[in-house]
């Protein structure tokens, strides 16, 4: 990709203005994600907008087609193309980060370093806490054992992120729930059942009363998590219809690869905590 951009001396050169990128947004949307922003002769990416902007998605598709042809990939080698796409988008994010950092002052560098470290700690602890507490329940509670496969299919990176806030009236720390943009509403309700069982388990004498970490105070938040990660090859009903519709046909077939709907894949016995 470095050579496609003109060599190492030109990879951080701005070749696409914000206005050009914004104009291409409409072209990309109208073409349902099939329009080309450039060709291999004039290949360029946008460094001024989000890494996953329409221009960069199109540029990625152009480069994937070129490399797939050079490497003689078969037409049905979706996995190979996905690997190429992931590698290219990762490199674009790296170039974005390098471009942003080279334009920061020393004070801004230090402020960003501290903020990134803090956010990384918060997100990692939040996702790990939710994942471990929910998965442990599938071993402790026989009624949830059958849900382990569904939980594993979502994975730790698919957990909602908890934004740490302070309740000004009580001074207590509360956590605002930010679900991923890709998952359907019923997935939120399905995961909340795990939390409901966790509270029931902790405050009931039925299963080791008051053992484990105290339940954190979690409240619904507005909007979605900023994470763009999503697991592929889940039942189609797992994905939010609006989110699926916002993806290009190529993204859906190559990256999402939704499986046939499975209405009973996420199902609980509500009578357990009734």
Protein backbone atom coordinates (compact mmCIF):
# COMPACT_ATOMS: atom_id res chain seq x y z
CA UNK A 1 0.00 0.00 0.00
CA UNK A 2 2.92 2.34 0.73
CA UNK A 3 4.06 2.03 -2.90
CA UNK A 4 0.49 2.62 -4.11
CA UNK A 5 0.56 5.95 -2.27
CA UNK A 6 3.80 7.02 -3.95
CA UNK A 7 6.39 5.65 -1.54
CA UNK A 8 7.26 6.23 2.14
CA UNK A 9 7.90 9.95 1.62
CA UNK A 10 4.33 10.58 0.42
CA UNK A 11 2.14 8.33 2.59
CA UNK A 12 1.25 11.23 4.93
CA UNK A 13 0.73 13.74 2.14
CA UNK A 14 -2.80 15.19 2.01
CA UNK A 15 -4.25 14.42 -1.43
CA UNK A 16 -7.96 14.51 -0.59
CA UNK A 17 -9.59 17.60 0.89
CA UNK A 18 -12.44 17.50 3.38
CA UNK A 19 -14.72 18.98 0.71
CA UNK A 20 -13.82 16.25 -1.79
CA UNK A 21 -14.41 13.56 0.84
CA UNK A 22 -17.78 15.09 1.78
CA UNK A 23 -18.86 15.24 -1.86
CA UNK A 24 -17.93 11.59 -2.32
CA UNK A 25 -20.10 10.61 0.69
CA UNK A 26 -23.21 11.27 -1.42
CA UNK A 27 -21.79 9.42 -4.43
CA UNK A 28 -20.93 6.44 -2.25
CA UNK A 29 -24.37 6.37 -0.65
CA UNK A 30 -26.21 6.65 -3.97
CA UNK A 31 -24.15 3.80 -5.44
CA UNK A 32 -24.80 1.62 -2.36
CA UNK A 33 -21.10 1.30 -1.75
CA UNK A 34 -19.93 0.43 -5.24
CA UNK A 35 -18.49 3.74 -6.56
CA UNK A 36 -14.74 4.14 -6.99
CA UNK A 37 -13.15 7.24 -5.47
CA UNK A 38 -9.94 6.72 -7.45
CA UNK A 39 -8.07 4.18 -9.55
CA UNK A 40 -4.67 2.56 -9.09
CA UNK A 41 -2.97 5.21 -11.25
CA UNK A 42 -4.21 8.00 -8.98
CA UNK A 43 -4.64 5.98 -5.79
CA UNK A 44 -5.09 8.08 -2.64
CA UNK A 45 -6.71 7.94 0.78
CA UNK A 46 -8.33 10.61 2.93
CA UNK A 47 -6.29 11.60 6.00
CA UNK A 48 -8.54 14.46 7.13
CA UNK A 49 -11.73 12.55 7.95
CA UNK A 50 -12.49 9.41 9.96
CA UNK A 51 -10.37 6.38 8.94
CA UNK A 52 -13.54 4.49 7.93
CA UNK A 53 -15.01 7.33 5.85
CA UNK A 54 -16.67 6.60 2.51
CA UNK A 55 -13.58 7.64 0.56
CA UNK A 56 -11.32 5.22 2.44
CA UNK A 57 -13.82 2.36 2.17
CA UNK A 58 -13.89 2.89 -1.59
CA UNK A 59 -10.09 3.19 -1.80
CA UNK A 60 -9.81 -0.04 0.15
CA UNK A 61 -12.15 -1.80 -2.30
CA UNK A 62 -10.08 -0.50 -5.24
CA UNK A 63 -6.85 -1.79 -3.72
CA UNK A 64 -8.41 -5.13 -2.73
CA UNK A 65 -9.58 -5.69 -6.32
CA UNK A 66 -6.13 -4.84 -7.64
CA UNK A 67 -4.27 -7.09 -5.20
CA UNK A 68 -6.76 -9.94 -5.61
CA UNK A 69 -6.15 -9.78 -9.36
CA UNK A 70 -2.37 -9.64 -8.93
CA UNK A 71 -2.48 -12.60 -6.55
CA UNK A 72 -4.92 -14.44 -8.83
CA UNK A 73 -7.60 -14.96 -6.20
CA UNK A 74 -10.63 -16.90 -7.40
CA UNK A 75 -13.93 -15.01 -7.62
CA UNK A 76 -15.35 -16.88 -4.63
CA UNK A 77 -12.31 -16.41 -2.36
CA UNK A 78 -14.16 -14.12 0.07
CA UNK A 79 -11.91 -15.06 2.97
CA UNK A 80 -8.77 -13.99 1.11
CA UNK A 81 -10.34 -10.66 0.17
CA UNK A 82 -11.45 -10.12 3.75
CA UNK A 83 -7.88 -10.61 4.97
CA UNK A 84 -6.68 -8.05 2.42
CA UNK A 85 -9.41 -5.58 3.39
CA UNK A 86 -8.64 -5.91 7.10
CA UNK A 87 -4.92 -5.37 6.50
CA UNK A 88 -5.54 -2.30 4.34
CA UNK A 89 -7.99 -0.70 6.78
CA UNK A 90 -5.57 -1.37 9.65
CA UNK A 91 -2.81 0.37 7.69
CA UNK A 92 -5.10 3.31 6.92
CA UNK A 93 -5.86 3.69 10.65
CA UNK A 94 -2.13 3.62 11.36
CA UNK A 95 -1.49 6.35 8.79
CA UNK A 96 -4.32 8.42 10.28
CA UNK A 97 -2.79 8.09 13.73
CA UNK A 98 0.66 9.06 12.44
CA UNK A 99 -0.75 12.05 10.55
CA UNK A 100 -2.65 13.26 13.63
CA UNK A 101 0.33 12.80 15.94
CA UNK A 102 2.76 14.65 13.72
CA UNK A 103 0.49 17.70 13.92
CA UNK A 104 0.16 17.71 17.73
CA UNK A 105 2.10 20.00 20.05
CA UNK A 106 4.15 18.47 22.88
CA UNK A 107 1.44 19.40 25.42
CA UNK A 108 -1.26 17.86 23.21
CA UNK A 109 0.82 14.69 22.87
CA UNK A 110 1.04 14.31 26.65
CA UNK A 111 -2.66 15.04 27.15
CA UNK A 112 -3.64 12.51 24.48
CA UNK A 113 -1.33 9.86 25.95
CA UNK A 114 -2.92 10.19 29.40
CA UNK A 115 -6.46 10.21 28.00
CA UNK A 116 -5.83 7.14 25.80
CA UNK A 117 -4.31 5.23 28.72
CA UNK A 118 -7.27 6.07 30.96
CA UNK A 119 -9.87 5.14 28.33
CA UNK A 120 -8.06 1.89 27.55
CA UNK A 121 -8.09 0.89 31.21
CA UNK A 122 -11.78 1.75 31.61
CA UNK A 123 -12.92 -0.09 28.48
CA UNK A 124 -10.77 -3.17 29.11
CA UNK A 125 -11.97 -3.50 32.70
CA UNK A 126 -15.59 -2.89 31.68
CA UNK A 127 -15.66 -5.46 28.86
CA UNK A 128 -13.67 -8.02 30.88
CA UNK A 129 -15.92 -7.58 33.94
CA UNK A 130 -19.12 -8.02 31.93
CA UNK A 131 -17.81 -10.96 29.94
CA UNK A 132 -16.42 -12.88 32.90
CA UNK A 133 -19.39 -12.32 35.20
CA UNK A 134 -21.89 -13.37 32.52
CA UNK A 135 -19.93 -16.38 31.32
CA UNK A 136 -19.28 -17.61 34.86
CA UNK A 137 -23.04 -17.71 35.37
CA UNK A 138 -23.38 -20.30 32.61
CA UNK A 139 -21.29 -22.64 34.79
CA UNK A 140 -22.89 -21.71 38.13
CA UNK A 141 -26.53 -21.72 37.03
CA UNK A 142 -27.73 -24.89 35.24
CA UNK A 143 -30.59 -22.97 33.60
CA UNK A 144 -28.03 -20.80 31.75
CA UNK A 145 -25.69 -23.55 30.59
CA UNK A 146 -27.42 -23.75 27.22
CA UNK A 147 -26.71 -20.05 26.61
CA UNK A 148 -22.92 -20.41 26.75
CA UNK A 149 -22.54 -21.06 23.01
CA UNK A 150 -24.56 -17.95 22.15
CA UNK A 151 -22.52 -15.85 24.60
CA UNK A 152 -19.25 -17.23 23.23
CA UNK A 153 -20.36 -16.40 19.69
CA UNK A 154 -20.70 -12.73 20.65
CA UNK A 155 -17.24 -12.65 22.24
CA UNK A 156 -15.70 -10.28 24.76
CA UNK A 157 -15.24 -7.44 22.25
CA UNK A 158 -18.99 -7.41 21.57
CA UNK A 159 -19.91 -6.49 25.13
CA UNK A 160 -21.46 -3.06 25.63
CA UNK A 161 -19.09 -0.43 26.98
CA UNK A 162 -19.80 1.18 30.35
CA UNK A 163 -19.08 4.90 30.55
CA UNK A 164 -18.03 5.78 34.09
CA UNK A 165 -19.97 8.69 35.60
CA UNK A 166 -20.49 10.10 39.09
CA UNK A 167 -23.97 10.51 40.55
CA UNK A 168 -23.85 14.09 41.84
CA UNK A 169 -26.69 13.47 44.30
CA UNK A 170 -25.02 10.52 46.05
CA UNK A 171 -21.38 10.75 45.01
CA UNK A 172 -21.50 7.10 43.89
CA UNK A 173 -19.95 5.90 40.66
CA UNK A 174 -22.52 4.70 38.13
CA UNK A 175 -22.01 3.18 34.71
CA UNK A 176 -23.90 4.37 31.64
CA UNK A 177 -24.54 1.51 29.20
CA UNK A 178 -23.44 2.13 25.61
CA UNK A 179 -24.43 -0.85 23.42
CA UNK A 180 -22.64 -1.51 20.11
CA UNK A 181 -24.39 0.00 17.10
CA UNK A 182 -24.55 -3.33 15.28
CA UNK A 183 -26.60 -5.45 17.63
CA UNK A 184 -30.38 -5.74 17.74
CA UNK A 185 -32.38 -4.47 20.72
CA UNK A 186 -33.32 -7.96 21.85
CA UNK A 187 -29.60 -8.75 22.35
CA UNK A 188 -29.48 -5.96 24.94
CA UNK A 189 -32.48 -7.45 26.72
CA UNK A 190 -30.98 -10.94 26.46
CA UNK A 191 -27.72 -9.82 28.09
CA UNK A 192 -29.57 -7.88 30.77
CA UNK A 193 -31.10 -11.15 31.88
CA UNK A 194 -27.60 -12.34 32.81
CA UNK A 195 -27.20 -9.25 34.99
CA UNK A 196 -30.61 -9.87 36.53
CA UNK A 197 -29.58 -13.43 37.41
CA UNK A 198 -26.26 -12.13 38.78
CA UNK A 199 -28.08 -9.83 41.19
CA UNK A 200 -30.51 -12.60 42.10
CA UNK A 201 -27.60 -14.97 42.70
CA UNK A 202 -25.76 -12.50 44.91
CA UNK A 203 -28.69 -11.56 47.13
CA UNK A 204 -30.35 -14.97 47.29
CA UNK A 205 -29.43 -17.80 49.62
CA UNK A 206 -30.19 -20.21 46.80
CA UNK A 207 -26.69 -20.01 45.33
CA UNK A 208 -23.95 -18.79 47.65
CA UNK A 209 -25.40 -15.59 49.06
CA UNK A 210 -23.30 -12.44 48.80
CA UNK A 211 -20.36 -14.06 47.09
CA UNK A 212 -18.56 -12.39 44.20
CA UNK A 213 -18.22 -8.73 43.27
CA UNK A 214 -21.00 -6.36 44.26
CA UNK A 215 -23.18 -5.56 41.24
CA UNK A 216 -22.22 -2.24 39.69
CA UNK A 217 -24.95 0.35 39.18
CA UNK A 218 -25.64 0.37 35.43
CA UNK A 219 -28.12 2.72 33.77
CA UNK A 220 -29.20 2.92 30.11
CA UNK A 221 -27.35 5.60 28.16
CA UNK A 222 -28.16 7.46 24.98
CA UNK A 223 -26.48 6.55 21.72
CA UNK A 224 -24.12 3.71 20.97
CA UNK A 225 -20.60 2.65 21.84
CA UNK A 226 -17.85 4.27 19.75
CA UNK A 227 -16.36 0.85 19.01
CA UNK A 228 -16.72 -0.20 15.36
CA UNK A 229 -15.76 -3.84 16.01
CA UNK A 230 -18.36 -6.51 15.38
CA UNK A 231 -18.32 -10.32 15.20
CA UNK A 232 -19.10 -11.94 11.87
CA UNK A 233 -21.16 -15.01 11.00
CA UNK A 234 -23.89 -14.57 13.61
CA UNK A 235 -27.58 -15.26 12.94
CA UNK A 236 -28.98 -12.37 10.87
CA UNK A 237 -31.49 -11.46 13.59
CA UNK A 238 -28.55 -10.67 15.90
CA UNK A 239 -27.68 -7.59 13.83
CA UNK A 240 -29.71 -4.39 14.05
CA UNK A 241 -31.61 -4.04 10.73
CA UNK A 242 -30.73 -0.34 10.42
CA UNK A 243 -27.05 -1.12 10.92
CA UNK A 244 -27.11 -3.89 8.32
CA UNK A 245 -28.86 -1.58 5.87
CA UNK A 246 -26.12 1.03 6.38
CA UNK A 247 -23.43 -1.46 5.26
CA UNK A 248 -22.57 -1.91 1.63
CA UNK A 249 -23.55 -5.19 -0.06
CA UNK A 250 -19.83 -6.00 -0.28
CA UNK A 251 -19.34 -5.36 3.46
CA UNK A 252 -22.30 -7.58 4.31
CA UNK A 253 -21.19 -10.48 2.10
CA UNK A 254 -17.46 -10.30 2.88
CA UNK A 255 -17.21 -8.90 6.41
CA UNK A 256 -20.52 -9.54 8.19
CA UNK A 257 -21.48 -12.83 6.50
CA UNK A 258 -24.76 -13.15 8.45
CA UNK A 259 -26.12 -16.65 8.93
CA UNK A 260 -29.82 -17.57 8.59
CA UNK A 261 -32.03 -16.24 11.38
CA UNK A 262 -32.26 -18.34 14.54
CA UNK A 263 -35.08 -16.94 16.73
CA UNK A 264 -34.37 -19.40 19.57
CA UNK A 265 -30.61 -18.82 19.64
CA UNK A 266 -30.95 -16.20 22.40
CA UNK A 267 -33.58 -17.49 24.77
CA UNK A 268 -33.87 -17.54 28.58
CA UNK A 269 -36.15 -19.17 31.11
CA UNK A 270 -37.67 -16.06 32.67
CA UNK A 271 -39.26 -18.22 35.38
CA UNK A 272 -35.83 -18.66 36.97
CA UNK A 273 -35.85 -15.22 38.63
CA UNK A 274 -39.61 -14.70 38.71
